[in-house]
Structure formats: C-alpha cells, structure tokens
Amino acid sequence: MSEKTLIILKPDCMKKNLAGTVLARFESAGLRIVACKMIRMTDALLREHYSHLVDKPFFGGLCDFMKECPVIVGVLQGENAIARVRELLGPTNSALAPAGTIRGDFGDKANITCNICHASDGAEAAAAEVARFFCENEIF
C-alpha cells in the first residue's frame, strides 16, 4: 500500500553535509520525495511536535539541539513508506544501529539525540506530522 511519511533531517545531518546522501538512500530504495523544504524550528513547533516528550528531563536539550541550525523536513511516499523509512534508518539509538543503516553509518554513537533523521512511527503520527509541517498544496 502506498503511504506518506514525514522525515526531518536533523541538525547533525545538516552540519555533516549529509542531506543529499540521506535523501539519495531513500530514493534508491524506491521512495519518492513529494514535499521538501528547509525551516528553522521554533519553540512552539518543537513543543507541538515533541508533545509526548515535554515532561522528560532531556526535552530542553532536545529542543536546543533541534534549533542549532535549519533542518530539512520532507514527505516521502511509496509502498509501506513508514516501515521502510524506519528500516533504512535503523534503531533510534545510533549505537545499536547496524552498519548499512543511515543511523549506523552516520549517527553519533555517543549521543542518542544526534541520530541524523526523525521519521514518523506509524500511520496516525505520519498523518499528523505531515499536516503539521506542510499544507496540502505543498505536497506533489
């Protein structure tokens, strides 16, 4: 089934100049980029996006990290896109991500926050996250 999912190329990805490499991996796996833009994350946007983490002790540090530089947000589409993107990325903790996955190859093994890319974790989250960052007329 064809579906859409949101990705965010995080500040560590941007600072390492890996945006093209990461996007190419998704495209090579047969996923299409149907929306893409560079933005600066705001406190309000981060609070909404990470609302499930607001009470966690690491929330402030996560927000500071996500505001270090502009990020790229995108929508990928393809067959089972949500699961496939998460498989291509590997586990959230880059130290546990095997070689050949995006996080295993490029993530910071010592810092779980610096894991290159956010990806929606399910259909409901994907729909909400895509709508959070893109208007309908921005998705092609």
Protein backbone atom coordinates (compact mmCIF):
# COMPACT_ATOMS: atom_id res chain seq x y z
CA MET A 1 0.00 0.00 0.00
CA SER A 2 1.35 3.41 -0.95
CA GLU A 3 1.63 5.78 2.00
CA LYS A 4 3.28 9.02 3.04
CA THR A 5 5.63 9.62 5.95
CA LEU A 6 7.43 12.63 7.38
CA ILE A 7 11.18 12.90 7.79
CA ILE A 8 13.24 15.64 9.43
CA LEU A 9 16.92 15.84 8.57
CA LYS A 10 18.23 16.93 11.96
CA PRO A 11 20.97 19.49 12.73
CA ASP A 12 23.70 16.82 12.93
CA CYS A 13 22.77 15.68 9.41
CA MET A 14 22.85 19.27 8.16
CA LYS A 15 26.17 20.10 9.85
CA LYS A 16 27.79 16.97 8.40
CA ASN A 17 26.51 17.91 4.89
CA LEU A 18 24.71 14.58 4.61
CA ALA A 19 21.29 15.79 3.41
CA GLY A 20 21.86 14.73 -0.20
CA THR A 21 23.35 11.39 0.83
CA VAL A 22 20.44 10.58 3.15
CA LEU A 23 17.81 11.64 0.62
CA ALA A 24 19.59 9.58 -2.06
CA ARG A 25 19.36 6.48 0.15
CA PHE A 26 15.61 6.93 0.45
CA GLU A 27 15.26 7.49 -3.30
CA SER A 28 17.47 4.48 -4.09
CA ALA A 29 15.09 2.39 -2.01
CA GLY A 30 12.22 3.42 -4.30
CA LEU A 31 10.70 6.16 -2.15
CA ARG A 32 9.64 9.43 -3.80
CA ILE A 33 10.15 12.87 -2.31
CA VAL A 34 6.73 14.51 -2.65
CA ALA A 35 7.42 17.53 -0.41
CA CYS A 36 10.61 19.13 0.89
CA LYS A 37 11.67 22.42 2.49
CA MET A 38 14.22 23.91 4.83
CA ILE A 39 12.91 25.52 8.01
CA ARG A 40 14.05 26.81 11.38
CA MET A 41 12.37 25.01 14.25
CA THR A 42 10.66 27.24 16.81
CA ASP A 43 9.91 26.56 20.45
CA ALA A 44 6.18 26.37 19.68
CA LEU A 45 6.68 23.94 16.80
CA LEU A 46 9.01 21.75 18.84
CA ARG A 47 6.62 21.72 21.80
CA GLU A 48 3.83 20.54 19.49
CA HIS A 49 5.95 18.04 17.57
CA TYR A 50 7.52 16.53 20.69
CA SER A 51 4.47 16.95 22.94
CA HIS A 52 4.83 13.34 24.12
CA LEU A 53 8.32 14.22 25.49
CA VAL A 54 7.62 17.58 27.19
CA ASP A 55 7.84 16.10 30.69
CA LYS A 56 11.07 14.20 30.04
CA PRO A 57 14.31 15.54 31.55
CA PHE A 58 16.01 15.64 28.14
CA PHE A 59 13.29 17.76 26.46
CA GLY A 60 15.10 21.09 26.86
CA GLY A 61 18.32 19.69 25.41
CA LEU A 62 16.43 18.14 22.51
CA CYS A 63 14.81 21.49 21.70
CA ASP A 64 18.15 23.31 21.92
CA PHE A 65 19.68 20.75 19.55
CA MET A 66 16.83 21.00 17.03
CA LYS A 67 17.24 24.80 16.92
CA GLU A 68 21.02 24.75 16.32
CA CYS A 69 20.56 25.29 12.58
CA PRO A 70 17.89 24.99 9.90
CA VAL A 71 16.60 21.48 9.21
CA ILE A 72 15.03 19.88 6.16
CA VAL A 73 11.54 18.49 6.51
CA GLY A 74 10.19 16.23 3.81
CA VAL A 75 7.45 13.85 2.88
CA LEU A 76 8.36 10.52 1.34
CA GLN A 77 5.83 8.36 -0.47
CA GLY A 78 5.91 4.74 -1.52
CA GLU A 79 4.81 1.23 -0.75
CA ASN A 80 4.90 0.75 3.05
CA ALA A 81 6.87 4.00 3.30
CA ILE A 82 6.59 4.31 7.09
CA ALA A 83 8.10 0.92 7.86
CA ARG A 84 10.64 1.13 5.03
CA VAL A 85 11.96 4.53 6.15
CA ARG A 86 12.34 3.29 9.71
CA GLU A 87 14.13 0.17 8.48
CA LEU A 88 16.51 2.23 6.33
CA LEU A 89 17.26 4.48 9.32
CA GLY A 90 17.85 1.72 11.85
CA PRO A 91 17.15 1.99 15.60
CA THR A 92 16.75 5.44 17.19
CA ASN A 93 19.91 4.82 19.21
CA SER A 94 22.70 5.00 16.61
CA ALA A 95 24.94 2.89 18.86
CA LEU A 96 22.53 0.00 18.26
CA ALA A 97 22.06 0.65 14.54
CA PRO A 98 23.84 -1.84 12.28
CA ALA A 99 26.24 -0.78 9.56
CA GLY A 100 24.39 -0.19 6.31
CA THR A 101 21.57 1.71 8.01
CA ILE A 102 21.58 5.50 7.89
CA ARG A 103 21.99 5.86 11.65
CA GLY A 104 24.52 3.03 11.81
CA ASP A 105 26.65 4.70 9.15
CA PHE A 106 26.27 8.37 10.13
CA GLY A 107 24.72 8.72 13.62
CA ASP A 108 26.63 9.70 16.74
CA LYS A 109 27.15 6.51 18.74
CA ALA A 110 27.70 8.50 21.95
CA ASN A 111 24.66 10.81 21.71
CA ILE A 112 21.19 9.36 21.07
CA THR A 113 19.83 12.80 20.12
CA CYS A 114 22.24 13.07 17.18
CA ASN A 115 20.68 10.34 15.08
CA ILE A 116 20.54 12.09 11.69
CA CYS A 117 16.83 11.88 10.92
CA HIS A 118 13.39 11.84 12.53
CA ALA A 119 10.78 9.56 10.97
CA SER A 120 7.11 9.07 11.71
CA ASP A 121 6.50 5.93 13.76
CA GLY A 122 3.05 4.97 12.47
CA ALA A 123 0.20 5.93 10.16
CA GLU A 124 -1.55 8.19 12.67
CA ALA A 125 1.67 10.01 13.57
CA ALA A 126 2.62 10.34 9.89
CA ALA A 127 -0.70 11.99 9.01
CA ALA A 128 -0.46 14.43 11.94
CA GLU A 129 3.21 15.23 11.30
CA VAL A 130 2.78 15.79 7.56
CA ALA A 131 -0.13 18.15 8.30
CA ARG A 132 1.96 19.94 10.95
CA PHE A 133 4.72 20.87 8.50
CA PHE A 134 3.01 21.02 5.09
CA CYS A 135 -0.14 22.47 3.55
CA GLU A 136 -1.92 20.27 1.00
CA ASN A 137 -0.73 22.44 -1.89
CA GLU A 138 2.92 21.84 -0.84
CA ILE A 139 2.69 18.08 -1.41
CA PHE A 140 3.07 16.92 -5.00
